[in-house]
Amino acid sequence: APAAPLQAAWRALPEEARHTFTHFHLRLSIHFADVPQDATPERGDFLP
């Protein structure tokens, strides 16, 4: 289910990140957004 950390114009990248853990394979779709300077995320922090 969508779980974006803040409101933004998210766009999905064409490729997904794939990784294998001990008990499962993982496929991550990647959503990208440019956000304004005053963006306030619900989760995480902006790192310079």
ModelCIF file with pLDDT and N, C-alpha, C, O atoms, coordinates in Angstrom:
data_MODEL
#
_entry.id   MODEL 
#
_entity.id                         1 
_entity.type                       polymer 
_entity.pdbx_number_of_molecules   1 
#
_entity_poly.entity_id                      1 
_entity_poly.type                           'polypeptide(L)' 
_entity_poly.nstd_linkage                   no 
_entity_poly.nstd_monomer                   no 
_entity_poly.pdbx_seq_one_letter_code       APAAPLQAAWRALPEEARHTFTHFHLRLSIHFADVPQDATPERGDFLP 
_entity_poly.pdbx_seq_one_letter_code_can   APAAPLQAAWRALPEEARHTFTHFHLRLSIHFADVPQDATPERGDFLP 
_entity_poly.pdbx_strand_id                 A 
#
loop_
_entity_poly_seq.entity_id 
_entity_poly_seq.num 
_entity_poly_seq.mon_id 
_entity_poly_seq.hetero 
1 1  ALA n 
1 2  PRO n 
1 3  ALA n 
1 4  ALA n 
1 5  PRO n 
1 6  LEU n 
1 7  GLN n 
1 8  ALA n 
1 9  ALA n 
1 10 TRP n 
1 11 ARG n 
1 12 ALA n 
1 13 LEU n 
1 14 PRO n 
1 15 GLU n 
1 16 GLU n 
1 17 ALA n 
1 18 ARG n 
1 19 HIS n 
1 20 THR n 
1 21 PHE n 
1 22 THR n 
1 23 HIS n 
1 24 PHE n 
1 25 HIS n 
1 26 LEU n 
1 27 ARG n 
1 28 LEU n 
1 29 SER n 
1 30 ILE n 
1 31 HIS n 
1 32 PHE n 
1 33 ALA n 
1 34 ASP n 
1 35 VAL n 
1 36 PRO n 
1 37 GLN n 
1 38 ASP n 
1 39 ALA n 
1 40 THR n 
1 41 PRO n 
1 42 GLU n 
1 43 ARG n 
1 44 GLY n 
1 45 ASP n 
1 46 PHE n 
1 47 LEU n 
1 48 PRO n 
#
_struct_asym.id          A 
_struct_asym.entity_id   1 
#
loop_
_ma_qa_metric.id 
_ma_qa_metric.mode 
_ma_qa_metric.name 
_ma_qa_metric.software_group_id 
_ma_qa_metric.type 
1 global pLDDT . pLDDT 
2 local  pLDDT . pLDDT 
#
_ma_qa_metric_global.metric_id      1 
_ma_qa_metric_global.metric_value   95.02 
_ma_qa_metric_global.model_id       1 
_ma_qa_metric_global.ordinal_id     1 
#
loop_
_ma_qa_metric_local.label_asym_id 
_ma_qa_metric_local.label_comp_id 
_ma_qa_metric_local.label_seq_id 
_ma_qa_metric_local.metric_id 
_ma_qa_metric_local.metric_value 
_ma_qa_metric_local.model_id 
_ma_qa_metric_local.ordinal_id 
A ALA 1  2 94.00 1 1  
A PRO 2  2 93.00 1 2  
A ALA 3  2 95.00 1 3  
A ALA 4  2 96.00 1 4  
A PRO 5  2 97.00 1 5  
A LEU 6  2 96.00 1 6  
A GLN 7  2 95.00 1 7  
A ALA 8  2 95.00 1 8  
A ALA 9  2 95.00 1 9  
A TRP 10 2 96.00 1 10 
A ARG 11 2 94.00 1 11 
A ALA 12 2 95.00 1 12 
A LEU 13 2 94.00 1 13 
A PRO 14 2 92.00 1 14 
A GLU 15 2 93.00 1 15 
A GLU 16 2 95.00 1 16 
A ALA 17 2 96.00 1 17 
A ARG 18 2 97.00 1 18 
A HIS 19 2 96.00 1 19 
A THR 20 2 94.00 1 20 
A PHE 21 2 91.00 1 21 
A THR 22 2 87.00 1 22 
A HIS 23 2 91.00 1 23 
A PHE 24 2 95.00 1 24 
A HIS 25 2 97.00 1 25 
A LEU 26 2 97.00 1 26 
A ARG 27 2 97.00 1 27 
A LEU 28 2 97.00 1 28 
A SER 29 2 97.00 1 29 
A ILE 30 2 97.00 1 30 
A HIS 31 2 97.00 1 31 
A PHE 32 2 95.00 1 32 
A ALA 33 2 95.00 1 33 
A ASP 34 2 95.00 1 34 
A VAL 35 2 96.00 1 35 
A PRO 36 2 96.00 1 36 
A GLN 37 2 96.00 1 37 
A ASP 38 2 95.00 1 38 
A ALA 39 2 95.00 1 39 
A THR 40 2 94.00 1 40 
A PRO 41 2 96.00 1 41 
A GLU 42 2 95.00 1 42 
A ARG 43 2 93.00 1 43 
A GLY 44 2 95.00 1 44 
A ASP 45 2 96.00 1 45 
A PHE 46 2 97.00 1 46 
A LEU 47 2 95.00 1 47 
A PRO 48 2 96.00 1 48 
#
loop_
_atom_site.group_PDB 
_atom_site.id 
_atom_site.type_symbol 
_atom_site.label_atom_id 
_atom_site.label_alt_id 
_atom_site.label_comp_id 
_atom_site.label_asym_id 
_atom_site.label_entity_id 
_atom_site.label_seq_id 
_atom_site.pdbx_PDB_ins_code 
_atom_site.Cartn_x 
_atom_site.Cartn_y 
_atom_site.Cartn_z 
_atom_site.occupancy 
_atom_site.B_iso_or_equiv 
_atom_site.pdbx_formal_charge 
_atom_site.auth_seq_id 
_atom_site.auth_comp_id 
_atom_site.auth_asym_id 
_atom_site.auth_atom_id 
_atom_site.pdbx_PDB_model_num 
ATOM 1   N N  . ALA A 1 1  ? 0.849  -1.186  0.000   1.00 94.00 ? 1  ALA A N  1 
ATOM 2   C CA . ALA A 1 1  ? 0.000  0.000   0.000   1.00 94.00 ? 1  ALA A CA 1 
ATOM 3   C C  . ALA A 1 1  ? 0.887  1.238   0.000   1.00 94.00 ? 1  ALA A C  1 
ATOM 4   O O  . ALA A 1 1  ? 1.959  1.211   0.604   1.00 94.00 ? 1  ALA A O  1 
ATOM 5   N N  . PRO A 1 2  ? 0.481  2.318   -0.652  1.00 93.00 ? 2  PRO A N  1 
ATOM 6   C CA . PRO A 1 2  ? 1.291  3.548   -0.640  1.00 93.00 ? 2  PRO A CA 1 
ATOM 7   C C  . PRO A 1 2  ? 1.577  3.991   0.787   1.00 93.00 ? 2  PRO A C  1 
ATOM 8   O O  . PRO A 1 2  ? 0.714  3.908   1.660   1.00 93.00 ? 2  PRO A O  1 
ATOM 9   N N  . ALA A 1 3  ? 2.796  4.460   1.013   1.00 95.00 ? 3  ALA A N  1 
ATOM 10  C CA . ALA A 1 3  ? 3.196  4.894   2.358   1.00 95.00 ? 3  ALA A CA 1 
ATOM 11  C C  . ALA A 1 3  ? 4.153  6.067   2.248   1.00 95.00 ? 3  ALA A C  1 
ATOM 12  O O  . ALA A 1 3  ? 5.193  6.081   2.906   1.00 95.00 ? 3  ALA A O  1 
ATOM 13  N N  . ALA A 1 4  ? 3.815  7.050   1.425   1.00 96.00 ? 4  ALA A N  1 
ATOM 14  C CA . ALA A 1 4  ? 4.701  8.188   1.193   1.00 96.00 ? 4  ALA A CA 1 
ATOM 15  C C  . ALA A 1 4  ? 4.941  8.947   2.498   1.00 96.00 ? 4  ALA A C  1 
ATOM 16  O O  . ALA A 1 4  ? 4.008  9.150   3.274   1.00 96.00 ? 4  ALA A O  1 
ATOM 17  N N  . PRO A 1 5  ? 6.179  9.366   2.745   1.00 97.00 ? 5  PRO A N  1 
ATOM 18  C CA . PRO A 1 5  ? 6.504  10.066  3.990   1.00 97.00 ? 5  PRO A CA 1 
ATOM 19  C C  . PRO A 1 5  ? 6.062  11.521  4.021   1.00 97.00 ? 5  PRO A C  1 
ATOM 20  O O  . PRO A 1 5  ? 6.091  12.151  5.079   1.00 97.00 ? 5  PRO A O  1 
ATOM 21  N N  . LEU A 1 6  ? 5.654  12.063  2.879   1.00 96.00 ? 6  LEU A N  1 
ATOM 22  C CA . LEU A 1 6  ? 5.138  13.431  2.818   1.00 96.00 ? 6  LEU A CA 1 
ATOM 23  C C  . LEU A 1 6  ? 4.368  13.606  1.515   1.00 96.00 ? 6  LEU A C  1 
ATOM 24  O O  . LEU A 1 6  ? 4.529  12.818  0.583   1.00 96.00 ? 6  LEU A O  1 
ATOM 25  N N  . GLN A 1 7  ? 3.534  14.637  1.452   1.00 95.00 ? 7  GLN A N  1 
ATOM 26  C CA . GLN A 1 7  ? 2.769  14.920  0.249   1.00 95.00 ? 7  GLN A CA 1 
ATOM 27  C C  . GLN A 1 7  ? 3.703  15.494  -0.820  1.00 95.00 ? 7  GLN A C  1 
ATOM 28  O O  . GLN A 1 7  ? 4.425  16.458  -0.567  1.00 95.00 ? 7  GLN A O  1 
ATOM 29  N N  . ALA A 1 8  ? 3.683  14.896  -2.014  1.00 95.00 ? 8  ALA A N  1 
ATOM 30  C CA . ALA A 1 8  ? 4.549  15.359  -3.093  1.00 95.00 ? 8  ALA A CA 1 
ATOM 31  C C  . ALA A 1 8  ? 4.071  14.751  -4.408  1.00 95.00 ? 8  ALA A C  1 
ATOM 32  O O  . ALA A 1 8  ? 3.234  13.849  -4.429  1.00 95.00 ? 8  ALA A O  1 
ATOM 33  N N  . ALA A 1 9  ? 4.622  15.265  -5.498  1.00 95.00 ? 9  ALA A N  1 
ATOM 34  C CA . ALA A 1 9  ? 4.309  14.724  -6.823  1.00 95.00 ? 9  ALA A CA 1 
ATOM 35  C C  . ALA A 1 9  ? 5.246  13.550  -7.101  1.00 95.00 ? 9  ALA A C  1 
ATOM 36  O O  . ALA A 1 9  ? 6.222  13.685  -7.840  1.00 95.00 ? 9  ALA A O  1 
ATOM 37  N N  . TRP A 1 10 ? 4.945  12.412  -6.509  1.00 96.00 ? 10 TRP A N  1 
ATOM 38  C CA . TRP A 1 10 ? 5.815  11.241  -6.633  1.00 96.00 ? 10 TRP A CA 1 
ATOM 39  C C  . TRP A 1 10 ? 5.691  10.635  -8.022  1.00 96.00 ? 10 TRP A C  1 
ATOM 40  O O  . TRP A 1 10 ? 4.600  10.564  -8.587  1.00 96.00 ? 10 TRP A O  1 
ATOM 41  N N  . ARG A 1 11 ? 6.806  10.206  -8.556  1.00 94.00 ? 11 ARG A N  1 
ATOM 42  C CA . ARG A 1 11 ? 6.790  9.492   -9.831  1.00 94.00 ? 11 ARG A CA 1 
ATOM 43  C C  . ARG A 1 11 ? 7.636  8.224   -9.694  1.00 94.00 ? 11 ARG A C  1 
ATOM 44  O O  . ARG A 1 11 ? 8.710  8.236   -9.093  1.00 94.00 ? 11 ARG A O  1 
ATOM 45  N N  . ALA A 1 12 ? 7.136  7.160   -10.251 1.00 95.00 ? 12 ALA A N  1 
ATOM 46  C CA . ALA A 1 12 ? 7.820  5.873   -10.153 1.00 95.00 ? 12 ALA A CA 1 
ATOM 47  C C  . ALA A 1 12 ? 8.929  5.789   -11.183 1.00 95.00 ? 12 ALA A C  1 
ATOM 48  O O  . ALA A 1 12 ? 8.727  6.143   -12.344 1.00 95.00 ? 12 ALA A O  1 
ATOM 49  N N  . LEU A 1 13 ? 10.096 5.326   -10.771 1.00 94.00 ? 13 LEU A N  1 
ATOM 50  C CA . LEU A 1 13 ? 11.202 5.101   -11.697 1.00 94.00 ? 13 LEU A CA 1 
ATOM 51  C C  . LEU A 1 13 ? 10.972 3.789   -12.442 1.00 94.00 ? 13 LEU A C  1 
ATOM 52  O O  . LEU A 1 13 ? 10.290 2.899   -11.935 1.00 94.00 ? 13 LEU A O  1 
ATOM 53  N N  . PRO A 1 14 ? 11.536 3.666   -13.637 1.00 92.00 ? 14 PRO A N  1 
ATOM 54  C CA . PRO A 1 14 ? 11.240 2.481   -14.457 1.00 92.00 ? 14 PRO A CA 1 
ATOM 55  C C  . PRO A 1 14 ? 11.827 1.176   -13.933 1.00 92.00 ? 14 PRO A C  1 
ATOM 56  O O  . PRO A 1 14 ? 11.318 0.102   -14.251 1.00 92.00 ? 14 PRO A O  1 
ATOM 57  N N  . GLU A 1 15 ? 12.898 1.251   -13.128 1.00 93.00 ? 15 GLU A N  1 
ATOM 58  C CA . GLU A 1 15 ? 13.526 0.026   -12.635 1.00 93.00 ? 15 GLU A CA 1 
ATOM 59  C C  . GLU A 1 15 ? 13.275 -0.150  -11.148 1.00 93.00 ? 15 GLU A C  1 
ATOM 60  O O  . GLU A 1 15 ? 13.077 0.825   -10.423 1.00 93.00 ? 15 GLU A O  1 
ATOM 61  N N  . GLU A 1 16 ? 13.283 -1.402  -10.697 1.00 95.00 ? 16 GLU A N  1 
ATOM 62  C CA . GLU A 1 16 ? 13.113 -1.683  -9.284  1.00 95.00 ? 16 GLU A CA 1 
ATOM 63  C C  . GLU A 1 16 ? 14.412 -2.222  -8.703  1.00 95.00 ? 16 GLU A C  1 
ATOM 64  O O  . GLU A 1 16 ? 15.215 -2.836  -9.406  1.00 95.00 ? 16 GLU A O  1 
ATOM 65  N N  . ALA A 1 17 ? 14.606 -1.986  -7.421  1.00 96.00 ? 17 ALA A N  1 
ATOM 66  C CA . ALA A 1 17 ? 15.782 -2.516  -6.728  1.00 96.00 ? 17 ALA A CA 1 
ATOM 67  C C  . ALA A 1 17 ? 15.472 -3.936  -6.264  1.00 96.00 ? 17 ALA A C  1 
ATOM 68  O O  . ALA A 1 17 ? 14.433 -4.187  -5.653  1.00 96.00 ? 17 ALA A O  1 
ATOM 69  N N  . ARG A 1 18 ? 16.381 -4.857  -6.559  1.00 97.00 ? 18 ARG A N  1 
ATOM 70  C CA . ARG A 1 18 ? 16.174 -6.255  -6.178  1.00 97.00 ? 18 ARG A CA 1 
ATOM 71  C C  . ARG A 1 18 ? 17.300 -6.703  -5.251  1.00 97.00 ? 18 ARG A C  1 
ATOM 72  O O  . ARG A 1 18 ? 18.475 -6.412  -5.476  1.00 97.00 ? 18 ARG A O  1 
ATOM 73  N N  . HIS A 1 19 ? 16.906 -7.412  -4.213  1.00 96.00 ? 19 HIS A N  1 
ATOM 74  C CA . HIS A 1 19 ? 17.894 -7.869  -3.229  1.00 96.00 ? 19 HIS A CA 1 
ATOM 75  C C  . HIS A 1 19 ? 17.397 -9.169  -2.614  1.00 96.00 ? 19 HIS A C  1 
ATOM 76  O O  . HIS A 1 19 ? 16.192 -9.376  -2.476  1.00 96.00 ? 19 HIS A O  1 
ATOM 77  N N  . THR A 1 20 ? 18.326 -10.041 -2.247  1.00 94.00 ? 20 THR A N  1 
ATOM 78  C CA . THR A 1 20 ? 17.973 -11.310 -1.639  1.00 94.00 ? 20 THR A CA 1 
ATOM 79  C C  . THR A 1 20 ? 18.440 -11.352 -0.192  1.00 94.00 ? 20 THR A C  1 
ATOM 80  O O  . THR A 1 20 ? 19.620 -11.169 0.107   1.00 94.00 ? 20 THR A O  1 
ATOM 81  N N  . PHE A 1 21 ? 17.485 -11.599 0.696   1.00 91.00 ? 21 PHE A N  1 
ATOM 82  C CA . PHE A 1 21 ? 17.787 -11.825 2.098   1.00 91.00 ? 21 PHE A CA 1 
ATOM 83  C C  . PHE A 1 21 ? 17.806 -13.331 2.360   1.00 91.00 ? 21 PHE A C  1 
ATOM 84  O O  . PHE A 1 21 ? 17.581 -14.127 1.448   1.00 91.00 ? 21 PHE A O  1 
ATOM 85  N N  . THR A 1 22 ? 18.071 -13.710 3.592   1.00 87.00 ? 22 THR A N  1 
ATOM 86  C CA . THR A 1 22 ? 18.193 -15.129 3.917   1.00 87.00 ? 22 THR A CA 1 
ATOM 87  C C  . THR A 1 22 ? 16.929 -15.905 3.565   1.00 87.00 ? 22 THR A C  1 
ATOM 88  O O  . THR A 1 22 ? 17.010 -17.017 3.043   1.00 87.00 ? 22 THR A O  1 
ATOM 89  N N  . HIS A 1 23 ? 15.770 -15.330 3.846   1.00 91.00 ? 23 HIS A N  1 
ATOM 90  C CA . HIS A 1 23 ? 14.534 -16.087 3.715   1.00 91.00 ? 23 HIS A CA 1 
ATOM 91  C C  . HIS A 1 23 ? 13.609 -15.601 2.603   1.00 91.00 ? 23 HIS A C  1 
ATOM 92  O O  . HIS A 1 23 ? 12.554 -16.198 2.387   1.00 91.00 ? 23 HIS A O  1 
ATOM 93  N N  . PHE A 1 24 ? 13.971 -14.547 1.901   1.00 95.00 ? 24 PHE A N  1 
ATOM 94  C CA . PHE A 1 24 ? 13.078 -14.066 0.832   1.00 95.00 ? 24 PHE A CA 1 
ATOM 95  C C  . PHE A 1 24 ? 13.847 -13.183 -0.151  1.00 95.00 ? 24 PHE A C  1 
ATOM 96  O O  . PHE A 1 24 ? 14.913 -12.650 0.158   1.00 95.00 ? 24 PHE A O  1 
ATOM 97  N N  . HIS A 1 25 ? 13.268 -13.048 -1.348  1.00 97.00 ? 25 HIS A N  1 
ATOM 98  C CA . HIS A 1 25 ? 13.745 -12.095 -2.340  1.00 97.00 ? 25 HIS A CA 1 
ATOM 99  C C  . HIS A 1 25 ? 12.906 -10.822 -2.196  1.00 97.00 ? 25 HIS A C  1 
ATOM 100 O O  . HIS A 1 25 ? 11.700 -10.895 -1.959  1.00 97.00 ? 25 HIS A O  1 
ATOM 101 N N  . LEU A 1 26 ? 13.537 -9.671  -2.337  1.00 97.00 ? 26 LEU A N  1 
ATOM 102 C CA . LEU A 1 26 ? 12.830 -8.398  -2.201  1.00 97.00 ? 26 LEU A CA 1 
ATOM 103 C C  . LEU A 1 26 ? 12.903 -7.609  -3.505  1.00 97.00 ? 26 LEU A C  1 
ATOM 104 O O  . LEU A 1 26 ? 13.952 -7.525  -4.144  1.00 97.00 ? 26 LEU A O  1 
ATOM 105 N N  . ARG A 1 27 ? 11.766 -7.037  -3.881  1.00 97.00 ? 27 ARG A N  1 
ATOM 106 C CA . ARG A 1 27 ? 11.699 -6.140  -5.035  1.00 97.00 ? 27 ARG A CA 1 
ATOM 107 C C  . ARG A 1 27 ? 11.107 -4.820  -4.570  1.00 97.00 ? 27 ARG A C  1 
ATOM 108 O O  . ARG A 1 27 ? 9.962  -4.763  -4.122  1.00 97.00 ? 27 ARG A O  1 
ATOM 109 N N  . LEU A 1 28 ? 11.895 -3.766  -4.681  1.00 97.00 ? 28 LEU A N  1 
ATOM 110 C CA . LEU A 1 28 ? 11.459 -2.442  -4.243  1.00 97.00 ? 28 LEU A CA 1 
ATOM 111 C C  . LEU A 1 28 ? 11.231 -1.544  -5.451  1.00 97.00 ? 28 LEU A C  1 
ATOM 112 O O  . LEU A 1 28 ? 12.155 -1.293  -6.225  1.00 97.00 ? 28 LEU A O  1 
ATOM 113 N N  . SER A 1 29 ? 10.008 -1.062  -5.614  1.00 97.00 ? 29 SER A N  1 
ATOM 114 C CA . SER A 1 29 ? 9.784  -0.011  -6.604  1.00 97.00 ? 29 SER A CA 1 
ATOM 115 C C  . SER A 1 29 ? 10.260 1.301   -5.993  1.00 97.00 ? 29 SER A C  1 
ATOM 116 O O  . SER A 1 29 ? 10.180 1.497   -4.780  1.00 97.00 ? 29 SER A O  1 
ATOM 117 N N  . ILE A 1 30 ? 10.754 2.195   -6.841  1.00 97.00 ? 30 ILE A N  1 
ATOM 118 C CA . ILE A 1 30 ? 11.374 3.434   -6.364  1.00 97.00 ? 30 ILE A CA 1 
ATOM 119 C C  . ILE A 1 30 ? 10.531 4.616   -6.824  1.00 97.00 ? 30 ILE A C  1 
ATOM 120 O O  . ILE A 1 30 ? 10.295 4.803   -8.018  1.00 97.00 ? 30 ILE A O  1 
ATOM 121 N N  . HIS A 1 31 ? 10.084 5.407   -5.857  1.00 97.00 ? 31 HIS A N  1 
ATOM 122 C CA . HIS A 1 31 ? 9.311  6.596   -6.158  1.00 97.00 ? 31 HIS A CA 1 
ATOM 123 C C  . HIS A 1 31 ? 10.155 7.814   -5.794  1.00 97.00 ? 31 HIS A C  1 
ATOM 124 O O  . HIS A 1 31 ? 10.747 7.880   -4.716  1.00 97.00 ? 31 HIS A O  1 
ATOM 125 N N  . PHE A 1 32 ? 10.196 8.782   -6.719  1.00 95.00 ? 32 PHE A N  1 
ATOM 126 C CA . PHE A 1 32 ? 11.051 9.957   -6.531  1.00 95.00 ? 32 PHE A CA 1 
ATOM 127 C C  . PHE A 1 32 ? 10.215 11.222  -6.576  1.00 95.00 ? 32 PHE A C  1 
ATOM 128 O O  . PHE A 1 32 ? 9.213  11.295  -7.287  1.00 95.00 ? 32 PHE A O  1 
ATOM 129 N N  . ALA A 1 33 ? 10.646 12.239  -5.792  1.00 95.00 ? 33 ALA A N  1 
ATOM 130 C CA . ALA A 1 33 ? 9.984  13.543  -5.831  1.00 95.00 ? 33 ALA A CA 1 
ATOM 131 C C  . ALA A 1 33 ? 10.954 14.638  -5.448  1.00 95.00 ? 33 ALA A C  1 
ATOM 132 O O  . ALA A 1 33 ? 11.777 14.473  -4.548  1.00 95.00 ? 33 ALA A O  1 
ATOM 133 N N  . ASP A 1 34 ? 10.848 15.777  -6.153  1.00 95.00 ? 34 ASP A N  1 
ATOM 134 C CA . ASP A 1 34 ? 11.501 17.010  -5.708  1.00 95.00 ? 34 ASP A CA 1 
ATOM 135 C C  . ASP A 1 34 ? 10.511 17.747  -4.828  1.00 95.00 ? 34 ASP A C  1 
ATOM 136 O O  . ASP A 1 34 ? 9.341  17.880  -5.189  1.00 95.00 ? 34 ASP A O  1 
ATOM 137 N N  . VAL A 1 35 ? 10.966 18.235  -3.663  1.00 96.00 ? 35 VAL A N  1 
ATOM 138 C CA . VAL A 1 35 ? 10.053 18.872  -2.709  1.00 96.00 ? 35 VAL A CA 1 
ATOM 139 C C  . VAL A 1 35 ? 10.596 20.242  -2.323  1.00 96.00 ? 35 VAL A C  1 
ATOM 140 O O  . VAL A 1 35 ? 11.798 20.483  -2.432  1.00 96.00 ? 35 VAL A O  1 
ATOM 141 N N  . PRO A 1 36 ? 9.717  21.147  -1.868  1.00 96.00 ? 36 PRO A N  1 
ATOM 142 C CA . PRO A 1 36 ? 10.166 22.503  -1.518  1.00 96.00 ? 36 PRO A CA 1 
ATOM 143 C C  . PRO A 1 36 ? 10.991 22.531  -0.234  1.00 96.00 ? 36 PRO A C  1 
ATOM 144 O O  . PRO A 1 36 ? 11.037 21.560  0.521   1.00 96.00 ? 36 PRO A O  1 
ATOM 145 N N  . GLN A 1 37 ? 11.632 23.660  -0.014  1.00 96.00 ? 37 GLN A N  1 
ATOM 146 C CA . GLN A 1 37 ? 12.516 23.812  1.130   1.00 96.00 ? 37 GLN A CA 1 
ATOM 147 C C  . GLN A 1 37 ? 11.769 23.673  2.452   1.00 96.00 ? 37 GLN A C  1 
ATOM 148 O O  . GLN A 1 37 ? 12.350 23.248  3.451   1.00 96.00 ? 37 GLN A O  1 
ATOM 149 N N  . ASP A 1 38 ? 10.504 24.023  2.464   1.00 95.00 ? 38 ASP A N  1 
ATOM 150 C CA . ASP A 1 38 ? 9.750  23.974  3.735   1.00 95.00 ? 38 ASP A CA 1 
ATOM 151 C C  . ASP A 1 38 ? 8.977  22.663  3.900   1.00 95.00 ? 38 ASP A C  1 
ATOM 152 O O  . ASP A 1 38 ? 8.088  22.573  4.747   1.00 95.00 ? 38 ASP A O  1 
ATOM 153 N N  . ALA A 1 39 ? 9.310  21.649  3.098   1.00 95.00 ? 39 ALA A N  1 
ATOM 154 C CA . ALA A 1 39 ? 8.612  20.365  3.205   1.00 95.00 ? 39 ALA A CA 1 
ATOM 155 C C  . ALA A 1 39 ? 8.811  19.765  4.597   1.00 95.00 ? 39 ALA A C  1 
ATOM 156 O O  . ALA A 1 39 ? 9.917  19.760  5.138   1.00 95.00 ? 39 ALA A O  1 
ATOM 157 N N  . THR A 1 40 ? 7.717  19.262  5.160   1.00 94.00 ? 40 THR A N  1 
ATOM 158 C CA . THR A 1 40 ? 7.770  18.678  6.498   1.00 94.00 ? 40 THR A CA 1 
ATOM 159 C C  . THR A 1 40 ? 7.358  17.212  6.415   1.00 94.00 ? 40 THR A C  1 
ATOM 160 O O  . THR A 1 40 ? 6.173  16.913  6.272   1.00 94.00 ? 40 THR A O  1 
ATOM 161 N N  . PRO A 1 41 ? 8.300  16.312  6.500   1.00 96.00 ? 41 PRO A N  1 
ATOM 162 C CA . PRO A 1 41 ? 7.966  14.892  6.381   1.00 96.00 ? 41 PRO A CA 1 
ATOM 163 C C  . PRO A 1 41 ? 7.323  14.343  7.652   1.00 96.00 ? 41 PRO A C  1 
ATOM 164 O O  . PRO A 1 41 ? 7.592  14.820  8.754   1.00 96.00 ? 41 PRO A O  1 
ATOM 165 N N  . GLU A 1 42 ? 6.467  13.333  7.481   1.00 95.00 ? 42 GLU A N  1 
ATOM 166 C CA . GLU A 1 42 ? 5.888  12.632  8.622   1.00 95.00 ? 42 GLU A CA 1 
ATOM 167 C C  . GLU A 1 42 ? 6.875  11.628  9.203   1.00 95.00 ? 42 GLU A C  1 
ATOM 168 O O  . GLU A 1 42 ? 6.792  11.271  10.378  1.00 95.00 ? 42 GLU A O  1 
ATOM 169 N N  . ARG A 1 43 ? 7.812  11.174  8.369   1.00 93.00 ? 43 ARG A N  1 
ATOM 170 C CA . ARG A 1 43 ? 8.841  10.237  8.827   1.00 93.00 ? 43 ARG A CA 1 
ATOM 171 C C  . ARG A 1 43 ? 10.174 10.648  8.243   1.00 93.00 ? 43 ARG A C  1 
ATOM 172 O O  . ARG A 1 43 ? 10.249 11.137  7.116   1.00 93.00 ? 43 ARG A O  1 
ATOM 173 N N  . GLY A 1 44 ? 11.230 10.446  9.021   1.00 95.00 ? 44 GLY A N  1 
ATOM 174 C CA . GLY A 1 44 ? 12.570 10.718  8.539   1.00 95.00 ? 44 GLY A CA 1 
ATOM 175 C C  . GLY A 1 44 ? 12.983 12.167  8.675   1.00 95.00 ? 44 GLY A C  1 
ATOM 176 O O  . GLY A 1 44 ? 12.210 13.016  9.119   1.00 95.00 ? 44 GLY A O  1 
ATOM 177 N N  . ASP A 1 45 ? 14.211 12.432  8.286   1.00 96.00 ? 45 ASP A N  1 
ATOM 178 C CA . ASP A 1 45 ? 14.778 13.782  8.346   1.00 96.00 ? 45 ASP A CA 1 
ATOM 179 C C  . ASP A 1 45 ? 15.581 14.028  7.075   1.00 96.00 ? 45 ASP A C  1 
ATOM 180 O O  . ASP A 1 45 ? 16.102 13.097  6.460   1.00 96.00 ? 45 ASP A O  1 
ATOM 181 N N  . PHE A 1 46 ? 15.670 15.287  6.698   1.00 97.00 ? 46 PHE A N  1 
ATOM 182 C CA . PHE A 1 46 ? 16.469 15.655  5.532   1.00 97.00 ? 46 PHE A CA 1 
ATOM 183 C C  . PHE A 1 46 ? 17.943 15.729  5.933   1.00 97.00 ? 46 PHE A C  1 
ATOM 184 O O  . PHE A 1 46 ? 18.302 16.375  6.918   1.00 97.00 ? 46 PHE A O  1 
ATOM 185 N N  . LEU A 1 47 ? 18.773 15.066  5.164   1.00 95.00 ? 47 LEU A N  1 
ATOM 186 C CA . LEU A 1 47 ? 20.213 15.038  5.405   1.00 95.00 ? 47 LEU A CA 1 
ATOM 187 C C  . LEU A 1 47 ? 20.892 15.891  4.339   1.00 95.00 ? 47 LEU A C  1 
ATOM 188 O O  . LEU A 1 47 ? 20.709 15.643  3.148   1.00 95.00 ? 47 LEU A O  1 
ATOM 189 N N  . PRO A 1 48 ? 21.682 16.904  4.748   1.00 96.00 ? 48 PRO A N  1 
ATOM 190 C CA . PRO A 1 48 ? 22.370 17.729  3.752   1.00 96.00 ? 48 PRO A CA 1 
ATOM 191 C C  . PRO A 1 48 ? 23.180 16.868  2.789   1.00 96.00 ? 48 PRO A C  1 
ATOM 192 O O  . PRO A 1 48 ? 23.825 17.396  1.882   1.00 96.00 ? 48 PRO A O  1 
#
